[in-house]
PDB file of N, CA and C in Angstrom:
ATOM      1  N   MET A   1     -26.585   4.702 -10.060  1.00  0.00           N
ATOM      2  CA  MET A   1     -25.316   4.500 -10.729  1.00  0.00           C
ATOM      3  C   MET A   1     -24.175   4.707  -9.723  1.00  0.00           C
ATOM      4  N   MET A   2     -23.233   3.774  -9.687  1.00  0.00           N
ATOM      5  CA  MET A   2     -22.113   3.853  -8.762  1.00  0.00           C
ATOM      6  C   MET A   2     -21.035   4.792  -9.284  1.00  0.00           C
ATOM      7  N   LYS A   3     -20.487   5.586  -8.383  1.00  0.00           N
ATOM      8  CA  LYS A   3     -19.405   6.493  -8.756  1.00  0.00           C
ATOM      9  C   LYS A   3     -18.085   5.723  -8.805  1.00  0.00           C
ATOM     10  N   GLU A   4     -17.311   5.962  -9.839  1.00  0.00           N
ATOM     11  CA  GLU A   4     -15.994   5.341  -9.947  1.00  0.00           C
ATOM     12  C   GLU A   4     -15.017   6.105  -9.060  1.00  0.00           C
ATOM     13  N   HIS A   5     -14.160   5.373  -8.387  1.00  0.00           N
ATOM     14  CA  HIS A   5     -13.159   5.997  -7.537  1.00  0.00           C
ATOM     15  C   HIS A   5     -11.777   5.824  -8.150  1.00  0.00           C
ATOM     16  N   GLU A   6     -10.966   6.829  -7.970  1.00  0.00           N
ATOM     17  CA  GLU A   6      -9.606   6.804  -8.492  1.00  0.00           C
ATOM     18  C   GLU A   6      -8.676   6.199  -7.451  1.00  0.00           C
ATOM     19  N   ALA A   7      -7.732   5.357  -7.888  1.00  0.00           N
ATOM     20  CA  ALA A   7      -6.718   4.801  -6.997  1.00  0.00           C
ATOM     21  C   ALA A   7      -5.636   5.847  -6.769  1.00  0.00           C
ATOM     22  N   VAL A   8      -5.244   6.018  -5.501  1.00  0.00           N
ATOM     23  CA  VAL A   8      -4.233   7.009  -5.132  1.00  0.00           C
ATOM     24  C   VAL A   8      -3.090   6.302  -4.403  1.00  0.00           C
ATOM     25  N   LYS A   9      -1.856   6.561  -4.840  1.00  0.00           N
ATOM     26  CA  LYS A   9      -0.692   5.981  -4.162  1.00  0.00           C
ATOM     27  C   LYS A   9      -0.479   6.723  -2.850  1.00  0.00           C
ATOM     28  N   ILE A  10      -0.416   5.970  -1.751  1.00  0.00           N
ATOM     29  CA  ILE A  10      -0.214   6.607  -0.450  1.00  0.00           C
ATOM     30  C   ILE A  10       1.149   6.312   0.154  1.00  0.00           C
ATOM     31  N   PHE A  11       1.836   5.280  -0.372  1.00  0.00           N
ATOM     32  CA  PHE A  11       3.125   4.931   0.228  1.00  0.00           C
ATOM     33  C   PHE A  11       3.907   4.038  -0.722  1.00  0.00           C
ATOM     34  N   THR A  12       5.240   4.159  -0.682  1.00  0.00           N
ATOM     35  CA  THR A  12       6.127   3.244  -1.389  1.00  0.00           C
ATOM     36  C   THR A  12       6.966   2.532  -0.344  1.00  0.00           C
ATOM     37  N   THR A  13       6.846   1.208  -0.291  1.00  0.00           N
ATOM     38  CA  THR A  13       7.537   0.431   0.735  1.00  0.00           C
ATOM     39  C   THR A  13       8.941   0.062   0.293  1.00  0.00           C
ATOM     40  N   VAL A  14       9.738  -0.393   1.261  1.00  0.00           N
ATOM     41  CA  VAL A  14      11.097  -0.832   0.944  1.00  0.00           C
ATOM     42  C   VAL A  14      11.122  -2.271   0.460  1.00  0.00           C
ATOM     43  N   ASP A  15      10.117  -3.069   0.870  1.00  0.00           N
ATOM     44  CA  ASP A  15      10.083  -4.471   0.455  1.00  0.00           C
ATOM     45  C   ASP A  15       8.674  -5.042   0.599  1.00  0.00           C
ATOM     46  N   ASN A  16       8.513  -6.290   0.199  1.00  0.00           N
ATOM     47  CA  ASN A  16       7.220  -6.951   0.236  1.00  0.00           C
ATOM     48  C   ASN A  16       6.714  -7.135   1.667  1.00  0.00           C
ATOM     49  N   LEU A  17       7.606  -7.413   2.605  1.00  0.00           N
ATOM     50  CA  LEU A  17       7.203  -7.611   3.996  1.00  0.00           C
ATOM     51  C   LEU A  17       6.529  -6.356   4.547  1.00  0.00           C
ATOM     52  N   GLN A  18       7.139  -5.201   4.328  1.00  0.00           N
ATOM     53  CA  GLN A  18       6.538  -3.950   4.786  1.00  0.00           C
ATOM     54  C   GLN A  18       5.193  -3.709   4.092  1.00  0.00           C
ATOM     55  N   ALA A  19       5.110  -4.031   2.806  1.00  0.00           N
ATOM     56  CA  ALA A  19       3.852  -3.860   2.068  1.00  0.00           C
ATOM     57  C   ALA A  19       2.752  -4.716   2.679  1.00  0.00           C
ATOM     58  N   GLU A  20       3.056  -5.967   2.996  1.00  0.00           N
ATOM     59  CA  GLU A  20       2.061  -6.856   3.581  1.00  0.00           C
ATOM     60  C   GLU A  20       1.611  -6.366   4.958  1.00  0.00           C
ATOM     61  N   MET A  21       2.535  -5.821   5.739  1.00  0.00           N
ATOM     62  CA  MET A  21       2.175  -5.286   7.058  1.00  0.00           C
ATOM     63  C   MET A  21       1.245  -4.071   6.910  1.00  0.00           C
ATOM     64  N   ILE A  22       1.520  -3.221   5.952  1.00  0.00           N
ATOM     65  CA  ILE A  22       0.675  -2.050   5.712  1.00  0.00           C
ATOM     66  C   ILE A  22      -0.707  -2.483   5.236  1.00  0.00           C
ATOM     67  N   LEU A  23      -0.758  -3.419   4.286  1.00  0.00           N
ATOM     68  CA  LEU A  23      -2.046  -3.901   3.792  1.00  0.00           C
ATOM     69  C   LEU A  23      -2.875  -4.511   4.924  1.00  0.00           C
ATOM     70  N   ALA A  24      -2.227  -5.242   5.825  1.00  0.00           N
ATOM     71  CA  ALA A  24      -2.938  -5.840   6.963  1.00  0.00           C
ATOM     72  C   ALA A  24      -3.490  -4.749   7.890  1.00  0.00           C
ATOM     73  N   SER A  25      -2.706  -3.713   8.136  1.00  0.00           N
ATOM     74  CA  SER A  25      -3.167  -2.609   8.990  1.00  0.00           C
ATOM     75  C   SER A  25      -4.348  -1.884   8.357  1.00  0.00           C
ATOM     76  N   LEU A  26      -4.275  -1.643   7.057  1.00  0.00           N
ATOM     77  CA  LEU A  26      -5.379  -0.976   6.378  1.00  0.00           C
ATOM     78  C   LEU A  26      -6.628  -1.851   6.403  1.00  0.00           C
ATOM     79  N   LYS A  27      -6.453  -3.151   6.207  1.00  0.00           N
ATOM     80  CA  LYS A  27      -7.587  -4.071   6.228  1.00  0.00           C
ATOM     81  C   LYS A  27      -8.267  -4.065   7.601  1.00  0.00           C
ATOM     82  N   GLU A  28      -7.472  -4.005   8.682  1.00  0.00           N
ATOM     83  CA  GLU A  28      -8.018  -3.949  10.046  1.00  0.00           C
ATOM     84  C   GLU A  28      -8.913  -2.735  10.231  1.00  0.00           C
ATOM     85  N   HIS A  29      -8.641  -1.673   9.471  1.00  0.00           N
ATOM     86  CA  HIS A  29      -9.430  -0.440   9.550  1.00  0.00           C
ATOM     87  C   HIS A  29     -10.459  -0.352   8.419  1.00  0.00           C
ATOM     88  N   ASN A  30     -10.740  -1.497   7.796  1.00  0.00           N
ATOM     89  CA  ASN A  30     -11.745  -1.582   6.720  1.00  0.00           C
ATOM     90  C   ASN A  30     -11.458  -0.652   5.546  1.00  0.00           C
ATOM     91  N   ILE A  31     -10.173  -0.543   5.198  1.00  0.00           N
ATOM     92  CA  ILE A  31      -9.760   0.272   4.056  1.00  0.00           C
ATOM     93  C   ILE A  31      -9.226  -0.668   2.972  1.00  0.00           C
ATOM     94  N   PRO A  32      -9.978  -0.859   1.893  1.00  0.00           N
ATOM     95  CA  PRO A  32      -9.472  -1.696   0.796  1.00  0.00           C
ATOM     96  C   PRO A  32      -8.222  -1.060   0.187  1.00  0.00           C
ATOM     97  N   ALA A  33      -7.226  -1.884  -0.085  1.00  0.00           N
ATOM     98  CA  ALA A  33      -5.975  -1.390  -0.654  1.00  0.00           C
ATOM     99  C   ALA A  33      -5.341  -2.497  -1.483  1.00  0.00           C
ATOM    100  N   TYR A  34      -4.409  -2.103  -2.330  1.00  0.00           N
ATOM    101  CA  TYR A  34      -3.637  -3.091  -3.074  1.00  0.00           C
ATOM    102  C   TYR A  34      -2.223  -2.582  -3.250  1.00  0.00           C
ATOM    103  N   LYS A  35      -1.324  -3.512  -3.596  1.00  0.00           N
ATOM    104  CA  LYS A  35       0.076  -3.140  -3.824  1.00  0.00           C
ATOM    105  C   LYS A  35       0.434  -3.377  -5.281  1.00  0.00           C
ATOM    106  N   LYS A  36       1.373  -2.584  -5.752  1.00  0.00           N
ATOM    107  CA  LYS A  36       1.876  -2.714  -7.123  1.00  0.00           C
ATOM    108  C   LYS A  36       3.383  -2.912  -7.031  1.00  0.00           C
ATOM    109  N   ASP A  37       3.866  -3.989  -7.636  1.00  0.00           N
ATOM    110  CA  ASP A  37       5.294  -4.298  -7.607  1.00  0.00           C
ATOM    111  C   ASP A  37       6.105  -3.271  -8.387  1.00  0.00           C
ATOM    112  N   LEU A  38       7.278  -2.953  -7.873  1.00  0.00           N
ATOM    113  CA  LEU A  38       8.229  -2.091  -8.589  1.00  0.00           C
ATOM    114  C   LEU A  38       9.347  -2.956  -9.144  1.00  0.00           C
ATOM    115  N   GLY A  39       9.817  -2.621 -10.311  1.00  0.00           N
ATOM    116  CA  GLY A  39      10.923  -3.375 -10.913  1.00  0.00           C
ATOM    117  C   GLY A  39      10.588  -4.846 -11.061  1.00  0.00           C
ATOM    118  N   ASN A  40      11.497  -5.702 -10.603  1.00  0.00           N
ATOM    119  CA  ASN A  40      11.309  -7.155 -10.665  1.00  0.00           C
ATOM    120  C   ASN A  40      10.733  -7.710  -9.369  1.00  0.00           C
ATOM    121  N   ALA A  41      10.059  -6.883  -8.594  1.00  0.00           N
ATOM    122  CA  ALA A  41       9.566  -7.300  -7.281  1.00  0.00           C
ATOM    123  C   ALA A  41       8.657  -8.521  -7.364  1.00  0.00           C
ATOM    124  N   GLY A  42       7.730  -8.536  -8.304  1.00  0.00           N
ATOM    125  CA  GLY A  42       6.805  -9.661  -8.410  1.00  0.00           C
ATOM    126  C   GLY A  42       7.526 -10.970  -8.654  1.00  0.00           C
ATOM    127  N   PHE A  43       8.511 -10.953  -9.527  1.00  0.00           N
ATOM    128  CA  PHE A  43       9.306 -12.137  -9.834  1.00  0.00           C
ATOM    129  C   PHE A  43      10.067 -12.601  -8.597  1.00  0.00           C
ATOM    130  N   LEU A  44      10.722 -11.673  -7.894  1.00  0.00           N
ATOM    131  CA  LEU A  44      11.497 -12.046  -6.712  1.00  0.00           C
ATOM    132  C   LEU A  44      10.603 -12.481  -5.560  1.00  0.00           C
ATOM    133  N   ASN A  45       9.440 -11.848  -5.407  1.00  0.00           N
ATOM    134  CA  ASN A  45       8.511 -12.263  -4.356  1.00  0.00           C
ATOM    135  C   ASN A  45       8.085 -13.707  -4.576  1.00  0.00           C
ATOM    136  N   MET A  46       7.873 -14.067  -5.832  1.00  0.00           N
ATOM    137  CA  MET A  46       7.419 -15.414  -6.154  1.00  0.00           C
ATOM    138  C   MET A  46       8.509 -16.450  -5.847  1.00  0.00           C
ATOM    139  N   TYR A  47       9.751 -16.136  -6.152  1.00  0.00           N
ATOM    140  CA  TYR A  47      10.822 -17.118  -5.999  1.00  0.00           C
ATOM    141  C   TYR A  47      11.551 -17.058  -4.667  1.00  0.00           C
ATOM    142  N   THR A  48      11.616 -15.885  -4.051  1.00  0.00           N
ATOM    143  CA  THR A  48      12.370 -15.777  -2.789  1.00  0.00           C
ATOM    144  C   THR A  48      11.493 -15.409  -1.605  1.00  0.00           C
ATOM    145  N   GLY A  49      10.232 -15.031  -1.860  1.00  0.00           N
ATOM    146  CA  GLY A  49       9.337 -14.658  -0.768  1.00  0.00           C
ATOM    147  C   GLY A  49       9.443 -13.199  -0.376  1.00  0.00           C
ATOM    148  N   ASN A  50      10.419 -12.500  -0.910  1.00  0.00           N
ATOM    149  CA  ASN A  50      10.571 -11.074  -0.607  1.00  0.00           C
ATOM    150  C   ASN A  50      11.358 -10.417  -1.731  1.00  0.00           C
ATOM    151  N   SER A  51      11.310  -9.099  -1.749  1.00  0.00           N
ATOM    152  CA  SER A  51      12.008  -8.334  -2.765  1.00  0.00           C
ATOM    153  C   SER A  51      12.460  -7.022  -2.167  1.00  0.00           C
ATOM    154  N   ARG A  52      13.586  -6.531  -2.613  1.00  0.00           N
ATOM    155  CA  ARG A  52      14.080  -5.225  -2.173  1.00  0.00           C
ATOM    156  C   ARG A  52      13.783  -4.134  -3.202  1.00  0.00           C
ATOM    157  N   PHE A  53      12.932  -4.436  -4.177  1.00  0.00           N
ATOM    158  CA  PHE A  53      12.577  -3.447  -5.188  1.00  0.00           C
ATOM    159  C   PHE A  53      11.490  -2.505  -4.703  1.00  0.00           C
ATOM    160  N   GLY A  54      10.768  -2.901  -3.680  1.00  0.00           N
ATOM    161  CA  GLY A  54       9.704  -2.059  -3.154  1.00  0.00           C
ATOM    162  C   GLY A  54       8.352  -2.327  -3.798  1.00  0.00           C
ATOM    163  N   GLU A  55       7.341  -1.782  -3.150  1.00  0.00           N
ATOM    164  CA  GLU A  55       5.962  -1.930  -3.603  1.00  0.00           C
ATOM    165  C   GLU A  55       5.259  -0.593  -3.373  1.00  0.00           C
ATOM    166  N   GLU A  56       4.352  -0.256  -4.258  1.00  0.00           N
ATOM    167  CA  GLU A  56       3.531   0.940  -4.065  1.00  0.00           C
ATOM    168  C   GLU A  56       2.189   0.500  -3.492  1.00  0.00           C
ATOM    169  N   ILE A  57       1.694   1.253  -2.499  1.00  0.00           N
ATOM    170  CA  ILE A  57       0.415   0.952  -1.865  1.00  0.00           C
ATOM    171  C   ILE A  57      -0.615   1.965  -2.357  1.00  0.00           C
ATOM    172  N   TYR A  58      -1.759   1.450  -2.814  1.00  0.00           N
ATOM    173  CA  TYR A  58      -2.838   2.289  -3.349  1.00  0.00           C
ATOM    174  C   TYR A  58      -4.133   2.064  -2.580  1.00  0.00           C
ATOM    175  N   VAL A  59      -4.895   3.155  -2.408  1.00  0.00           N
ATOM    176  CA  VAL A  59      -6.247   3.097  -1.844  1.00  0.00           C
ATOM    177  C   VAL A  59      -7.156   3.957  -2.717  1.00  0.00           C
ATOM    178  N   ALA A  60      -8.464   3.798  -2.551  1.00  0.00           N
ATOM    179  CA  ALA A  60      -9.421   4.637  -3.279  1.00  0.00           C
ATOM    180  C   ALA A  60      -9.326   6.072  -2.777  1.00  0.00           C
ATOM    181  N   ASP A  61      -9.576   7.009  -3.677  1.00  0.00           N
ATOM    182  CA  ASP A  61      -9.473   8.431  -3.325  1.00  0.00           C
ATOM    183  C   ASP A  61     -10.308   8.802  -2.099  1.00  0.00           C
ATOM    184  N   VAL A  62     -11.432   8.149  -1.891  1.00  0.00           N
ATOM    185  CA  VAL A  62     -12.291   8.482  -0.745  1.00  0.00           C
ATOM    186  C   VAL A  62     -11.703   7.998   0.576  1.00  0.00           C
ATOM    187  N   ASN A  63     -10.686   7.133   0.527  1.00  0.00           N
ATOM    188  CA  ASN A  63     -10.081   6.592   1.748  1.00  0.00           C
ATOM    189  C   ASN A  63      -8.694   7.142   2.048  1.00  0.00           C
ATOM    190  N   VAL A  64      -8.228   8.094   1.261  1.00  0.00           N
ATOM    191  CA  VAL A  64      -6.852   8.574   1.393  1.00  0.00           C
ATOM    192  C   VAL A  64      -6.562   9.127   2.784  1.00  0.00           C
ATOM    193  N   GLU A  65      -7.388  10.023   3.278  1.00  0.00           N
ATOM    194  CA  GLU A  65      -7.110  10.643   4.579  1.00  0.00           C
ATOM    195  C   GLU A  65      -7.114   9.616   5.707  1.00  0.00           C
ATOM    196  N   LYS A  66      -8.091   8.728   5.699  1.00  0.00           N
ATOM    197  CA  LYS A  66      -8.173   7.687   6.728  1.00  0.00           C
ATOM    198  C   LYS A  66      -6.942   6.773   6.639  1.00  0.00           C
ATOM    199  N   ALA A  67      -6.534   6.415   5.426  1.00  0.00           N
ATOM    200  CA  ALA A  67      -5.371   5.546   5.236  1.00  0.00           C
ATOM    201  C   ALA A  67      -4.095   6.238   5.715  1.00  0.00           C
ATOM    202  N   ARG A  68      -3.967   7.515   5.445  1.00  0.00           N
ATOM    203  CA  ARG A  68      -2.781   8.256   5.912  1.00  0.00           C
ATOM    204  C   ARG A  68      -2.712   8.272   7.438  1.00  0.00           C
ATOM    205  N   ARG A  69      -3.869   8.406   8.094  1.00  0.00           N
ATOM    206  CA  ARG A  69      -3.881   8.375   9.569  1.00  0.00           C
ATOM    207  C   ARG A  69      -3.449   7.000  10.083  1.00  0.00           C
ATOM    208  N   VAL A  70      -3.859   5.936   9.393  1.00  0.00           N
ATOM    209  CA  VAL A  70      -3.443   4.584   9.785  1.00  0.00           C
ATOM    210  C   VAL A  70      -1.924   4.452   9.651  1.00  0.00           C
ATOM    211  N   LEU A  71      -1.368   4.925   8.541  1.00  0.00           N
ATOM    212  CA  LEU A  71       0.083   4.857   8.339  1.00  0.00           C
ATOM    213  C   LEU A  71       0.818   5.642   9.426  1.00  0.00           C
ATOM    214  N   GLU A  72       0.337   6.825   9.731  1.00  0.00           N
ATOM    215  CA  GLU A  72       0.962   7.633  10.776  1.00  0.00           C
ATOM    216  C   GLU A  72       0.877   6.916  12.123  1.00  0.00           C
ATOM    217  N   GLY A  73      -0.231   6.206  12.352  1.00  0.00           N
ATOM    218  CA  GLY A  73      -0.419   5.475  13.596  1.00  0.00           C
ATOM    219  C   GLY A  73       0.558   4.316  13.775  1.00  0.00           C
ATOM    220  N   ILE A  74       1.082   3.797  12.676  1.00  0.00           N
ATOM    221  CA  ILE A  74       2.071   2.728  12.769  1.00  0.00           C
ATOM    222  C   ILE A  74       3.501   3.247  12.532  1.00  0.00           C
ATOM    223  N   GLY A  75       3.637   4.569  12.596  1.00  0.00           N
ATOM    224  CA  GLY A  75       4.964   5.179  12.537  1.00  0.00           C
ATOM    225  C   GLY A  75       5.528   5.437  11.157  1.00  0.00           C
ATOM    226  N   LEU A  76       4.670   5.478  10.150  1.00  0.00           N
ATOM    227  CA  LEU A  76       5.145   5.737   8.785  1.00  0.00           C
ATOM    228  C   LEU A  76       4.618   7.079   8.296  1.00  0.00           C
ATOM    229  N   LEU A  77       5.394   7.739   7.461  1.00  0.00           N
ATOM    230  CA  LEU A  77       4.974   9.010   6.889  1.00  0.00           C
ATOM    231  C   LEU A  77       4.411   8.758   5.490  1.00  0.00           C
ATOM    232  N   PRO A  78       3.112   8.965   5.304  1.00  0.00           N
ATOM    233  CA  PRO A  78       2.517   8.738   3.983  1.00  0.00           C
ATOM    234  C   PRO A  78       3.006   9.756   2.974  1.00  0.00           C
ATOM    235  N   GLU A  79       2.907   9.375   1.698  1.00  0.00           N
ATOM    236  CA  GLU A  79       3.273  10.294   0.619  1.00  0.00           C
ATOM    237  C   GLU A  79       2.170  11.335   0.459  1.00  0.00           C
ATOM    238  N   GLU A  80       2.565  12.522   0.088  1.00  0.00           N
ATOM    239  CA  GLU A  80       1.598  13.593  -0.172  1.00  0.00           C
ATOM    240  C   GLU A  80       1.195  13.530  -1.634  1.00  0.00           C
ATOM    241  N   GLU A  81       0.001  14.040  -1.929  1.00  0.00           N
ATOM    242  CA  GLU A  81      -0.482  14.039  -3.321  1.00  0.00           C
ATOM    243  C   GLU A  81       0.287  15.041  -4.145  1.00  0.00           C
TER     244      GLU A  81
END
């Protein structure tokens, strides 16, 4: 039986561009992640290609420490639990 993992927010970005850069960095380190739009971000991303509402970045609980090290490696301070 597979154990279910909890999604943990590790960072809130300023815009979609920063979110995509973070997701790409995490992917390079084999860390599955996803972003969640804040406010009207999804709508603005669709029509303008970017949004200033920000995005939340989530990873599985088992990858939190590794993901935080990746963020620190690219000069960002991850959120604490």
